[in-house]
Amino acid sequence: QVQLVESGGGLVEPGGSLRLSCAVSGRTLSSYQMGWFRQAPGKKRELVAQVSSSGTTVYQDIAKGRFAISRDNAQRMVYLEMNNLKPEDTAKYYCNRLVASWDWGQGTQVTVSS
């Protein structure tokens, strides 16, 4: 049984930064493409960034130039560094396998507001 535990969210002012962490337990991480997703109230969950098993990254337009995804396979962790945050980044953030997702974790709330 895979468990995903996201952390690191919080309230931040526009222009601020946060680093999100995702701990993966119950499965070796190295074989899987992983992604960070987000869901704002009333909206569908959307992909933000993805990282391959070898570390190749791809960003959606909403994240390009501001966010950085990384992974530590040995520690079974996935990270999302977020800079220059905007109010429209307010959402609950989740990590998961990119294809054939596991059960979703609780997510971590990011609120960008002055």
PDB file of N, CA and C in Angstrom:
ATOM      1  N   GLN A   1       0.840  -1.182   0.000  1.00  0.00           N
ATOM      2  CA  GLN A   1       0.000   0.000   0.000  1.00  0.00           C
ATOM      3  C   GLN A   1       0.879   1.237   0.000  1.00  0.00           C
ATOM      4  N   VAL A   2       0.748   2.039  -1.041  1.00  0.00           N
ATOM      5  CA  VAL A   2       1.545   3.257  -1.141  1.00  0.00           C
ATOM      6  C   VAL A   2       0.871   4.370  -0.366  1.00  0.00           C
ATOM      7  N   GLN A   3       1.656   5.090   0.392  1.00  0.00           N
ATOM      8  CA  GLN A   3       1.159   6.285   1.084  1.00  0.00           C
ATOM      9  C   GLN A   3       1.945   7.504   0.632  1.00  0.00           C
ATOM     10  N   LEU A   4       1.230   8.566   0.382  1.00  0.00           N
ATOM     11  CA  LEU A   4       1.825   9.834  -0.020  1.00  0.00           C
ATOM     12  C   LEU A   4       1.501  10.861   1.051  1.00  0.00           C
ATOM     13  N   VAL A   5       2.530  11.508   1.569  1.00  0.00           N
ATOM     14  CA  VAL A   5       2.323  12.507   2.602  1.00  0.00           C
ATOM     15  C   VAL A   5       2.996  13.799   2.159  1.00  0.00           C
ATOM     16  N   GLU A   6       2.176  14.794   1.870  1.00  0.00           N
ATOM     17  CA  GLU A   6       2.664  16.097   1.442  1.00  0.00           C
ATOM     18  C   GLU A   6       2.770  17.049   2.631  1.00  0.00           C
ATOM     19  N   SER A   7       3.749  17.922   2.586  1.00  0.00           N
ATOM     20  CA  SER A   7       3.931  18.907   3.646  1.00  0.00           C
ATOM     21  C   SER A   7       4.637  20.137   3.083  1.00  0.00           C
ATOM     22  N   GLY A   8       4.678  21.186   3.904  1.00  0.00           N
ATOM     23  CA  GLY A   8       5.422  22.372   3.536  1.00  0.00           C
ATOM     24  C   GLY A   8       4.588  23.545   3.081  1.00  0.00           C
ATOM     25  N   GLY A   9       3.282  23.351   2.976  1.00  0.00           N
ATOM     26  CA  GLY A   9       2.425  24.459   2.573  1.00  0.00           C
ATOM     27  C   GLY A   9       2.265  25.478   3.673  1.00  0.00           C
ATOM     28  N   GLY A  10       1.540  26.530   3.359  1.00  0.00           N
ATOM     29  CA  GLY A  10       1.300  27.567   4.345  1.00  0.00           C
ATOM     30  C   GLY A  10       0.766  28.830   3.703  1.00  0.00           C
ATOM     31  N   LEU A  11       0.722  29.869   4.506  1.00  0.00           N
ATOM     32  CA  LEU A  11       0.275  31.183   4.042  1.00  0.00           C
ATOM     33  C   LEU A  11       1.508  32.019   3.717  1.00  0.00           C
ATOM     34  N   VAL A  12       1.536  32.564   2.535  1.00  0.00           N
ATOM     35  CA  VAL A  12       2.684  33.351   2.104  1.00  0.00           C
ATOM     36  C   VAL A  12       2.200  34.559   1.322  1.00  0.00           C
ATOM     37  N   GLU A  13       2.936  35.641   1.398  1.00  0.00           N
ATOM     38  CA  GLU A  13       2.567  36.840   0.663  1.00  0.00           C
ATOM     39  C   GLU A  13       2.953  36.700  -0.811  1.00  0.00           C
ATOM     40  N   PRO A  14       2.276  37.429  -1.672  1.00  0.00           N
ATOM     41  CA  PRO A  14       2.679  37.414  -3.090  1.00  0.00           C
ATOM     42  C   PRO A  14       4.160  37.734  -3.233  1.00  0.00           C
ATOM     43  N   GLY A  15       4.815  36.986  -4.110  1.00  0.00           N
ATOM     44  CA  GLY A  15       6.252  37.128  -4.289  1.00  0.00           C
ATOM     45  C   GLY A  15       7.079  36.238  -3.386  1.00  0.00           C
ATOM     46  N   GLY A  16       6.446  35.589  -2.443  1.00  0.00           N
ATOM     47  CA  GLY A  16       7.150  34.733  -1.508  1.00  0.00           C
ATOM     48  C   GLY A  16       7.467  33.359  -2.074  1.00  0.00           C
ATOM     49  N   SER A  17       8.056  32.538  -1.231  1.00  0.00           N
ATOM     50  CA  SER A  17       8.505  31.203  -1.648  1.00  0.00           C
ATOM     51  C   SER A  17       8.082  30.150  -0.635  1.00  0.00           C
ATOM     52  N   LEU A  18       7.929  28.956  -1.136  1.00  0.00           N
ATOM     53  CA  LEU A  18       7.671  27.789  -0.300  1.00  0.00           C
ATOM     54  C   LEU A  18       8.362  26.580  -0.916  1.00  0.00           C
ATOM     55  N   ARG A  19       8.693  25.638  -0.068  1.00  0.00           N
ATOM     56  CA  ARG A  19       9.224  24.363  -0.552  1.00  0.00           C
ATOM     57  C   ARG A  19       8.320  23.252  -0.039  1.00  0.00           C
ATOM     58  N   LEU A  20       7.691  22.568  -0.970  1.00  0.00           N
ATOM     59  CA  LEU A  20       6.809  21.460  -0.629  1.00  0.00           C
ATOM     60  C   LEU A  20       7.587  20.149  -0.672  1.00  0.00           C
ATOM     61  N   SER A  21       7.215  19.241   0.221  1.00  0.00           N
ATOM     62  CA  SER A  21       7.841  17.929   0.267  1.00  0.00           C
ATOM     63  C   SER A  21       6.776  16.854   0.163  1.00  0.00           C
ATOM     64  N   CYS A  22       7.156  15.754  -0.432  1.00  0.00           N
ATOM     65  CA  CYS A  22       6.250  14.609  -0.550  1.00  0.00           C
ATOM     66  C   CYS A  22       7.025  13.359  -0.170  1.00  0.00           C
ATOM     67  N   ALA A  23       6.568  12.708   0.875  1.00  0.00           N
ATOM     68  CA  ALA A  23       7.184  11.460   1.318  1.00  0.00           C
ATOM     69  C   ALA A  23       6.378  10.292   0.767  1.00  0.00           C
ATOM     70  N   VAL A  24       7.060   9.380   0.133  1.00  0.00           N
ATOM     71  CA  VAL A  24       6.418   8.210  -0.482  1.00  0.00           C
ATOM     72  C   VAL A  24       6.826   6.968   0.302  1.00  0.00           C
ATOM     73  N   SER A  25       5.871   6.257   0.796  1.00  0.00           N
ATOM     74  CA  SER A  25       6.175   5.030   1.516  1.00  0.00           C
ATOM     75  C   SER A  25       5.426   3.866   0.883  1.00  0.00           C
ATOM     76  N   GLY A  26       5.953   2.684   1.080  1.00  0.00           N
ATOM     77  CA  GLY A  26       5.298   1.487   0.591  1.00  0.00           C
ATOM     78  C   GLY A  26       5.727   1.044  -0.792  1.00  0.00           C
ATOM     79  N   ARG A  27       6.608   1.822  -1.417  1.00  0.00           N
ATOM     80  CA  ARG A  27       7.044   1.458  -2.768  1.00  0.00           C
ATOM     81  C   ARG A  27       8.376   2.118  -3.059  1.00  0.00           C
ATOM     82  N   THR A  28       9.235   1.437  -3.777  1.00  0.00           N
ATOM     83  CA  THR A  28      10.466   2.069  -4.248  1.00  0.00           C
ATOM     84  C   THR A  28      10.106   3.155  -5.250  1.00  0.00           C
ATOM     85  N   LEU A  29      10.688   4.308  -5.067  1.00  0.00           N
ATOM     86  CA  LEU A  29      10.293   5.460  -5.869  1.00  0.00           C
ATOM     87  C   LEU A  29      10.957   5.513  -7.235  1.00  0.00           C
ATOM     88  N   SER A  30      12.131   4.938  -7.332  1.00  0.00           N
ATOM     89  CA  SER A  30      13.008   5.194  -8.473  1.00  0.00           C
ATOM     90  C   SER A  30      12.424   4.821  -9.831  1.00  0.00           C
ATOM     91  N   SER A  31      11.454   3.934  -9.872  1.00  0.00           N
ATOM     92  CA  SER A  31      10.950   3.457 -11.164  1.00  0.00           C
ATOM     93  C   SER A  31       9.889   4.349 -11.781  1.00  0.00           C
ATOM     94  N   TYR A  32       9.419   5.324 -11.040  1.00  0.00           N
ATOM     95  CA  TYR A  32       8.213   6.025 -11.449  1.00  0.00           C
ATOM     96  C   TYR A  32       8.441   7.479 -11.798  1.00  0.00           C
ATOM     97  N   GLN A  33       7.728   7.910 -12.826  1.00  0.00           N
ATOM     98  CA  GLN A  33       7.617   9.341 -13.087  1.00  0.00           C
ATOM     99  C   GLN A  33       6.679   9.911 -12.031  1.00  0.00           C
ATOM    100  N   MET A  34       7.061  11.013 -11.459  1.00  0.00           N
ATOM    101  CA  MET A  34       6.270  11.632 -10.408  1.00  0.00           C
ATOM    102  C   MET A  34       5.866  13.047 -10.807  1.00  0.00           C
ATOM    103  N   GLY A  35       4.774  13.478 -10.240  1.00  0.00           N
ATOM    104  CA  GLY A  35       4.299  14.821 -10.546  1.00  0.00           C
ATOM    105  C   GLY A  35       3.764  15.523  -9.316  1.00  0.00           C
ATOM    106  N   TRP A  36       3.775  16.832  -9.384  1.00  0.00           N
ATOM    107  CA  TRP A  36       3.047  17.656  -8.432  1.00  0.00           C
ATOM    108  C   TRP A  36       1.812  18.185  -9.146  1.00  0.00           C
ATOM    109  N   PHE A  37       0.704  18.108  -8.438  1.00  0.00           N
ATOM    110  CA  PHE A  37      -0.574  18.551  -8.948  1.00  0.00           C
ATOM    111  C   PHE A  37      -1.154  19.561  -7.977  1.00  0.00           C
ATOM    112  N   ARG A  38      -2.144  20.313  -8.425  1.00  0.00           N
ATOM    113  CA  ARG A  38      -2.821  21.210  -7.507  1.00  0.00           C
ATOM    114  C   ARG A  38      -4.299  21.291  -7.861  1.00  0.00           C
ATOM    115  N   GLN A  39      -5.069  21.615  -6.841  1.00  0.00           N
ATOM    116  CA  GLN A  39      -6.503  21.774  -7.044  1.00  0.00           C
ATOM    117  C   GLN A  39      -6.992  22.964  -6.235  1.00  0.00           C
ATOM    118  N   ALA A  40      -7.525  23.937  -6.936  1.00  0.00           N
ATOM    119  CA  ALA A  40      -8.116  25.102  -6.295  1.00  0.00           C
ATOM    120  C   ALA A  40      -9.602  24.837  -6.095  1.00  0.00           C
ATOM    121  N   PRO A  41     -10.222  25.520  -5.141  1.00  0.00           N
ATOM    122  CA  PRO A  41     -11.649  25.314  -4.897  1.00  0.00           C
ATOM    123  C   PRO A  41     -12.476  25.522  -6.165  1.00  0.00           C
ATOM    124  N   GLY A  42     -13.328  24.550  -6.458  1.00  0.00           N
ATOM    125  CA  GLY A  42     -14.199  24.655  -7.618  1.00  0.00           C
ATOM    126  C   GLY A  42     -13.543  24.351  -8.939  1.00  0.00           C
ATOM    127  N   LYS A  43     -12.288  23.947  -8.900  1.00  0.00           N
ATOM    128  CA  LYS A  43     -11.572  23.660 -10.148  1.00  0.00           C
ATOM    129  C   LYS A  43     -11.090  22.220 -10.157  1.00  0.00           C
ATOM    130  N   LYS A  44     -10.771  21.733 -11.348  1.00  0.00           N
ATOM    131  CA  LYS A  44     -10.238  20.393 -11.478  1.00  0.00           C
ATOM    132  C   LYS A  44      -8.781  20.355 -11.039  1.00  0.00           C
ATOM    133  N   ARG A  45      -8.360  19.192 -10.630  1.00  0.00           N
ATOM    134  CA  ARG A  45      -6.953  19.005 -10.298  1.00  0.00           C
ATOM    135  C   ARG A  45      -6.134  19.124 -11.581  1.00  0.00           C
ATOM    136  N   GLU A  46      -5.012  19.839 -11.483  1.00  0.00           N
ATOM    137  CA  GLU A  46      -4.172  20.028 -12.655  1.00  0.00           C
ATOM    138  C   GLU A  46      -2.721  19.704 -12.339  1.00  0.00           C
ATOM    139  N   LEU A  47      -2.039  19.252 -13.366  1.00  0.00           N
ATOM    140  CA  LEU A  47      -0.621  18.954 -13.249  1.00  0.00           C
ATOM    141  C   LEU A  47       0.168  20.251 -13.241  1.00  0.00           C
ATOM    142  N   VAL A  48       1.150  20.339 -12.372  1.00  0.00           N
ATOM    143  CA  VAL A  48       2.000  21.520 -12.265  1.00  0.00           C
ATOM    144  C   VAL A  48       3.375  21.253 -12.858  1.00  0.00           C
ATOM    145  N   ALA A  49       3.968  20.138 -12.452  1.00  0.00           N
ATOM    146  CA  ALA A  49       5.319  19.797 -12.882  1.00  0.00           C
ATOM    147  C   ALA A  49       5.515  18.296 -12.752  1.00  0.00           C
ATOM    148  N   GLN A  50       6.446  17.773 -13.523  1.00  0.00           N
ATOM    149  CA  GLN A  50       6.716  16.348 -13.473  1.00  0.00           C
ATOM    150  C   GLN A  50       8.209  16.095 -13.546  1.00  0.00           C
ATOM    151  N   VAL A  51       8.621  14.956 -12.990  1.00  0.00           N
ATOM    152  CA  VAL A  51      10.022  14.576 -13.008  1.00  0.00           C
ATOM    153  C   VAL A  51      10.115  13.091 -13.313  1.00  0.00           C
ATOM    154  N   SER A  52      10.954  12.745 -14.273  1.00  0.00           N
ATOM    155  CA  SER A  52      11.111  11.347 -14.660  1.00  0.00           C
ATOM    156  C   SER A  52      11.966  10.616 -13.630  1.00  0.00           C
ATOM    157  N   SER A  53      12.051   9.307 -13.800  1.00  0.00           N
ATOM    158  CA  SER A  53      12.858   8.501 -12.890  1.00  0.00           C
ATOM    159  C   SER A  53      14.328   8.899 -12.953  1.00  0.00           C
ATOM    160  N   SER A  54      14.756   9.451 -14.067  1.00  0.00           N
ATOM    161  CA  SER A  54      16.152   9.862 -14.217  1.00  0.00           C
ATOM    162  C   SER A  54      16.377  11.325 -13.882  1.00  0.00           C
ATOM    163  N   GLY A  55      15.298  12.029 -13.542  1.00  0.00           N
ATOM    164  CA  GLY A  55      15.447  13.413 -13.125  1.00  0.00           C
ATOM    165  C   GLY A  55      15.099  14.458 -14.167  1.00  0.00           C
ATOM    166  N   THR A  56      14.676  14.049 -15.329  1.00  0.00           N
ATOM    167  CA  THR A  56      14.262  15.010 -16.349  1.00  0.00           C
ATOM    168  C   THR A  56      12.955  15.672 -15.923  1.00  0.00           C
ATOM    169  N   THR A  57      12.922  16.981 -16.034  1.00  0.00           N
ATOM    170  CA  THR A  57      11.758  17.727 -15.556  1.00  0.00           C
ATOM    171  C   THR A  57      10.984  18.357 -16.705  1.00  0.00           C
ATOM    172  N   VAL A  58       9.694  18.476 -16.499  1.00  0.00           N
ATOM    173  CA  VAL A  58       8.813  19.160 -17.439  1.00  0.00           C
ATOM    174  C   VAL A  58       7.858  20.005 -16.617  1.00  0.00           C
ATOM    175  N   TYR A  59       7.655  21.237 -17.054  1.00  0.00           N
ATOM    176  CA  TYR A  59       6.787  22.155 -16.313  1.00  0.00           C
ATOM    177  C   TYR A  59       5.624  22.610 -17.178  1.00  0.00           C
ATOM    178  N   GLN A  60       4.484  22.724 -16.536  1.00  0.00           N
ATOM    179  CA  GLN A  60       3.359  23.357 -17.206  1.00  0.00           C
ATOM    180  C   GLN A  60       3.612  24.863 -17.235  1.00  0.00           C
ATOM    181  N   ASP A  61       2.905  25.550 -18.106  1.00  0.00           N
ATOM    182  CA  ASP A  61       3.125  26.993 -18.264  1.00  0.00           C
ATOM    183  C   ASP A  61       2.960  27.742 -16.942  1.00  0.00           C
ATOM    184  N   ILE A  62       2.059  27.290 -16.105  1.00  0.00           N
ATOM    185  CA  ILE A  62       1.808  27.961 -14.830  1.00  0.00           C
ATOM    186  C   ILE A  62       3.014  27.928 -13.911  1.00  0.00           C
ATOM    187  N   ALA A  63       3.947  27.031 -14.178  1.00  0.00           N
ATOM    188  CA  ALA A  63       5.075  26.831 -13.276  1.00  0.00           C
ATOM    189  C   ALA A  63       6.415  27.237 -13.877  1.00  0.00           C
ATOM    190  N   LYS A  64       6.465  27.413 -15.165  1.00  0.00           N
ATOM    191  CA  LYS A  64       7.732  27.676 -15.829  1.00  0.00           C
ATOM    192  C   LYS A  64       8.406  28.934 -15.298  1.00  0.00           C
ATOM    193  N   GLY A  65       9.662  28.805 -14.961  1.00  0.00           N
ATOM    194  CA  GLY A  65      10.444  29.935 -14.490  1.00  0.00           C
ATOM    195  C   GLY A  65      10.263  30.280 -13.024  1.00  0.00           C
ATOM    196  N   ARG A  66       9.303  29.622 -12.372  1.00  0.00           N
ATOM    197  CA  ARG A  66       9.043  29.937 -10.969  1.00  0.00           C
ATOM    198  C   ARG A  66       9.182  28.729 -10.049  1.00  0.00           C
ATOM    199  N   PHE A  67       8.833  27.559 -10.559  1.00  0.00           N
ATOM    200  CA  PHE A  67       8.829  26.354  -9.733  1.00  0.00           C
ATOM    201  C   PHE A  67       9.939  25.409 -10.184  1.00  0.00           C
ATOM    202  N   ALA A  68      10.400  24.600  -9.250  1.00  0.00           N
ATOM    203  CA  ALA A  68      11.402  23.585  -9.567  1.00  0.00           C
ATOM    204  C   ALA A  68      11.053  22.298  -8.847  1.00  0.00           C
ATOM    205  N   ILE A  69      10.922  21.232  -9.623  1.00  0.00           N
ATOM    206  CA  ILE A  69      10.616  19.918  -9.056  1.00  0.00           C
ATOM    207  C   ILE A  69      11.902  19.112  -8.984  1.00  0.00           C
ATOM    208  N   SER A  70      12.025  18.333  -7.932  1.00  0.00           N
ATOM    209  CA  SER A  70      13.200  17.479  -7.782  1.00  0.00           C
ATOM    210  C   SER A  70      12.796  16.238  -7.009  1.00  0.00           C
ATOM    211  N   ARG A  71      13.708  15.290  -6.981  1.00  0.00           N
ATOM    212  CA  ARG A  71      13.408  14.045  -6.278  1.00  0.00           C
ATOM    213  C   ARG A  71      14.673  13.484  -5.650  1.00  0.00           C
ATOM    214  N   ASP A  72      14.473  12.709  -4.606  1.00  0.00           N
ATOM    215  CA  ASP A  72      15.547  11.984  -3.946  1.00  0.00           C
ATOM    216  C   ASP A  72      15.067  10.546  -3.828  1.00  0.00           C
ATOM    217  N   ASN A  73      15.489   9.721  -4.764  1.00  0.00           N
ATOM    218  CA  ASN A  73      14.973   8.356  -4.794  1.00  0.00           C
ATOM    219  C   ASN A  73      15.383   7.568  -3.552  1.00  0.00           C
ATOM    220  N   ALA A  74      16.564   7.805  -3.070  1.00  0.00           N
ATOM    221  CA  ALA A  74      17.038   7.062  -1.900  1.00  0.00           C
ATOM    222  C   ALA A  74      16.177   7.357  -0.673  1.00  0.00           C
ATOM    223  N   GLN A  75      15.789   8.622  -0.538  1.00  0.00           N
ATOM    224  CA  GLN A  75      14.947   9.022   0.588  1.00  0.00           C
ATOM    225  C   GLN A  75      13.461   8.880   0.276  1.00  0.00           C
ATOM    226  N   ARG A  76      13.152   8.540  -0.951  1.00  0.00           N
ATOM    227  CA  ARG A  76      11.757   8.427  -1.413  1.00  0.00           C
ATOM    228  C   ARG A  76      10.995   9.725  -1.175  1.00  0.00           C
ATOM    229  N   MET A  77      11.613  10.799  -1.644  1.00  0.00           N
ATOM    230  CA  MET A  77      11.024  12.123  -1.480  1.00  0.00           C
ATOM    231  C   MET A  77      10.928  12.822  -2.837  1.00  0.00           C
ATOM    232  N   VAL A  78       9.886  13.620  -2.975  1.00  0.00           N
ATOM    233  CA  VAL A  78       9.731  14.489  -4.138  1.00  0.00           C
ATOM    234  C   VAL A  78       9.499  15.899  -3.609  1.00  0.00           C
ATOM    235  N   TYR A  79      10.125  16.881  -4.236  1.00  0.00           N
ATOM    236  CA  TYR A  79      10.060  18.256  -3.759  1.00  0.00           C
ATOM    237  C   TYR A  79       9.528  19.190  -4.840  1.00  0.00           C
ATOM    238  N   LEU A  80       8.941  20.279  -4.377  1.00  0.00           N
ATOM    239  CA  LEU A  80       8.543  21.350  -5.288  1.00  0.00           C
ATOM    240  C   LEU A  80       8.944  22.666  -4.654  1.00  0.00           C
ATOM    241  N   GLU A  81       9.937  23.305  -5.247  1.00  0.00           N
ATOM    242  CA  GLU A  81      10.363  24.626  -4.820  1.00  0.00           C
ATOM    243  C   GLU A  81       9.545  25.638  -5.600  1.00  0.00           C
ATOM    244  N   MET A  82       8.866  26.523  -4.876  1.00  0.00           N
ATOM    245  CA  MET A  82       7.998  27.497  -5.528  1.00  0.00           C
ATOM    246  C   MET A  82       8.461  28.893  -5.169  1.00  0.00           C
ATOM    247  N   ASN A  83       8.736  29.685  -6.174  1.00  0.00           N
ATOM    248  CA  ASN A  83       9.190  31.062  -5.984  1.00  0.00           C
ATOM    249  C   ASN A  83       8.243  32.032  -6.671  1.00  0.00           C
ATOM    250  N   ASN A  84       8.338  33.289  -6.276  1.00  0.00           N
ATOM    251  CA  ASN A  84       7.507  34.334  -6.872  1.00  0.00           C
ATOM    252  C   ASN A  84       6.038  33.903  -6.916  1.00  0.00           C
ATOM    253  N   LEU A  85       5.552  33.473  -5.786  1.00  0.00           N
ATOM    254  CA  LEU A  85       4.187  32.968  -5.724  1.00  0.00           C
ATOM    255  C   LEU A  85       3.173  34.073  -5.964  1.00  0.00           C
ATOM    256  N   LYS A  86       2.074  33.676  -6.601  1.00  0.00           N
ATOM    257  CA  LYS A  86       1.008  34.610  -6.954  1.00  0.00           C
ATOM    258  C   LYS A  86      -0.288  34.164  -6.301  1.00  0.00           C
ATOM    259  N   PRO A  87      -1.234  35.066  -6.110  1.00  0.00           N
ATOM    260  CA  PRO A  87      -2.520  34.656  -5.518  1.00  0.00           C
ATOM    261  C   PRO A  87      -3.178  33.499  -6.278  1.00  0.00           C
ATOM    262  N   GLU A  88      -3.008  33.450  -7.571  1.00  0.00           N
ATOM    263  CA  GLU A  88      -3.616  32.368  -8.353  1.00  0.00           C
ATOM    264  C   GLU A  88      -2.950  31.007  -8.136  1.00  0.00           C
ATOM    265  N   ASP A  89      -1.848  30.990  -7.394  1.00  0.00           N
ATOM    266  CA  ASP A  89      -1.232  29.720  -7.030  1.00  0.00           C
ATOM    267  C   ASP A  89      -1.910  29.096  -5.807  1.00  0.00           C
ATOM    268  N   THR A  90      -2.822  29.812  -5.207  1.00  0.00           N
ATOM    269  CA  THR A  90      -3.538  29.291  -4.043  1.00  0.00           C
ATOM    270  C   THR A  90      -4.304  28.031  -4.410  1.00  0.00           C
ATOM    271  N   ALA A  91      -3.993  26.943  -3.719  1.00  0.00           N
ATOM    272  CA  ALA A  91      -4.592  25.641  -4.020  1.00  0.00           C
ATOM    273  C   ALA A  91      -4.065  24.630  -3.011  1.00  0.00           C
ATOM    274  N   LYS A  92      -4.645  23.444  -3.053  1.00  0.00           N
ATOM    275  CA  LYS A  92      -4.062  22.334  -2.319  1.00  0.00           C
ATOM    276  C   LYS A  92      -3.171  21.579  -3.298  1.00  0.00           C
ATOM    277  N   TYR A  93      -1.970  21.295  -2.849  1.00  0.00           N
ATOM    278  CA  TYR A  93      -0.976  20.664  -3.693  1.00  0.00           C
ATOM    279  C   TYR A  93      -0.770  19.205  -3.302  1.00  0.00           C
ATOM    280  N   TYR A  94      -0.659  18.369  -4.322  1.00  0.00           N
ATOM    281  CA  TYR A  94      -0.521  16.935  -4.144  1.00  0.00           C
ATOM    282  C   TYR A  94       0.616  16.408  -5.012  1.00  0.00           C
ATOM    283  N   CYS A  95       1.228  15.340  -4.546  1.00  0.00           N
ATOM    284  CA  CYS A  95       2.152  14.634  -5.433  1.00  0.00           C
ATOM    285  C   CYS A  95       1.561  13.260  -5.726  1.00  0.00           C
ATOM    286  N   ASN A  96       1.977  12.689  -6.833  1.00  0.00           N
ATOM    287  CA  ASN A  96       1.513  11.349  -7.189  1.00  0.00           C
ATOM    288  C   ASN A  96       2.306  10.842  -8.372  1.00  0.00           C
ATOM    289  N   ARG A  97       2.168   9.584  -8.627  1.00  0.00           N
ATOM    290  CA  ARG A  97       2.720   9.003  -9.825  1.00  0.00           C
ATOM    291  C   ARG A  97       2.049   9.665 -11.021  1.00  0.00           C
ATOM    292  N   LEU A  98       2.811   9.878 -12.072  1.00  0.00           N
ATOM    293  CA  LEU A  98       2.273  10.628 -13.200  1.00  0.00           C
ATOM    294  C   LEU A  98       1.214   9.817 -13.951  1.00  0.00           C
ATOM    295  N   VAL A  99       1.433   8.548 -14.096  1.00  0.00           N
ATOM    296  CA  VAL A  99       0.512   7.684 -14.828  1.00  0.00           C
ATOM    297  C   VAL A  99      -0.029   6.645 -13.866  1.00  0.00           C
ATOM    298  N   ALA A 100      -1.313   6.346 -13.970  1.00  0.00           N
ATOM    299  CA  ALA A 100      -1.945   5.351 -13.090  1.00  0.00           C
ATOM    300  C   ALA A 100      -1.694   5.709 -11.633  1.00  0.00           C
ATOM    301  N   SER A 101      -2.246   6.834 -11.234  1.00  0.00           N
ATOM    302  CA  SER A 101      -1.949   7.376  -9.912  1.00  0.00           C
ATOM    303  C   SER A 101      -2.316   6.415  -8.791  1.00  0.00           C
ATOM    304  N   TRP A 102      -1.522   6.515  -7.737  1.00  0.00           N
ATOM    305  CA  TRP A 102      -1.866   5.817  -6.508  1.00  0.00           C
ATOM    306  C   TRP A 102      -2.988   6.582  -5.795  1.00  0.00           C
ATOM    307  N   ASP A 103      -3.438   6.040  -4.671  1.00  0.00           N
ATOM    308  CA  ASP A 103      -4.408   6.786  -3.872  1.00  0.00           C
ATOM    309  C   ASP A 103      -3.812   8.130  -3.470  1.00  0.00           C
ATOM    310  N   TRP A 104      -4.604   9.176  -3.589  1.00  0.00           N
ATOM    311  CA  TRP A 104      -4.108  10.509  -3.298  1.00  0.00           C
ATOM    312  C   TRP A 104      -3.907  10.711  -1.803  1.00  0.00           C
ATOM    313  N   GLY A 105      -2.888  11.476  -1.473  1.00  0.00           N
ATOM    314  CA  GLY A 105      -2.668  11.861  -0.097  1.00  0.00           C
ATOM    315  C   GLY A 105      -3.583  13.002   0.303  1.00  0.00           C
ATOM    316  N   GLN A 106      -3.319  13.549   1.467  1.00  0.00           N
ATOM    317  CA  GLN A 106      -4.152  14.643   1.980  1.00  0.00           C
ATOM    318  C   GLN A 106      -3.824  15.979   1.332  1.00  0.00           C
ATOM    319  N   GLY A 107      -2.675  16.061   0.732  1.00  0.00           N
ATOM    320  CA  GLY A 107      -2.273  17.326   0.127  1.00  0.00           C
ATOM    321  C   GLY A 107      -1.781  18.311   1.164  1.00  0.00           C
ATOM    322  N   THR A 108      -1.239  19.407   0.667  1.00  0.00           N
ATOM    323  CA  THR A 108      -0.787  20.485   1.548  1.00  0.00           C
ATOM    324  C   THR A 108      -1.295  21.802   0.976  1.00  0.00           C
ATOM    325  N   GLN A 109      -1.890  22.607   1.835  1.00  0.00           N
ATOM    326  CA  GLN A 109      -2.551  23.833   1.390  1.00  0.00           C
ATOM    327  C   GLN A 109      -1.537  24.961   1.219  1.00  0.00           C
ATOM    328  N   VAL A 110      -1.593  25.598   0.086  1.00  0.00           N
ATOM    329  CA  VAL A 110      -0.795  26.793  -0.185  1.00  0.00           C
ATOM    330  C   VAL A 110      -1.758  27.950  -0.390  1.00  0.00           C
ATOM    331  N   THR A 111      -1.581  28.979   0.404  1.00  0.00           N
ATOM    332  CA  THR A 111      -2.414  30.172   0.285  1.00  0.00           C
ATOM    333  C   THR A 111      -1.501  31.367   0.077  1.00  0.00           C
ATOM    334  N   VAL A 112      -1.718  32.069  -1.014  1.00  0.00           N
ATOM    335  CA  VAL A 112      -0.913  33.243  -1.345  1.00  0.00           C
ATOM    336  C   VAL A 112      -1.806  34.464  -1.231  1.00  0.00           C
ATOM    337  N   SER A 113      -1.516  35.272  -0.234  1.00  0.00           N
ATOM    338  CA  SER A 113      -2.377  36.415   0.035  1.00  0.00           C
ATOM    339  C   SER A 113      -1.619  37.449   0.837  1.00  0.00           C
ATOM    340  N   SER A 114      -1.950  38.708   0.605  1.00  0.00           N
ATOM    341  CA  SER A 114      -1.363  39.771   1.408  1.00  0.00           C
ATOM    342  C   SER A 114      -2.298  40.138   2.556  1.00  0.00           C
TER     343      SER A 114
END
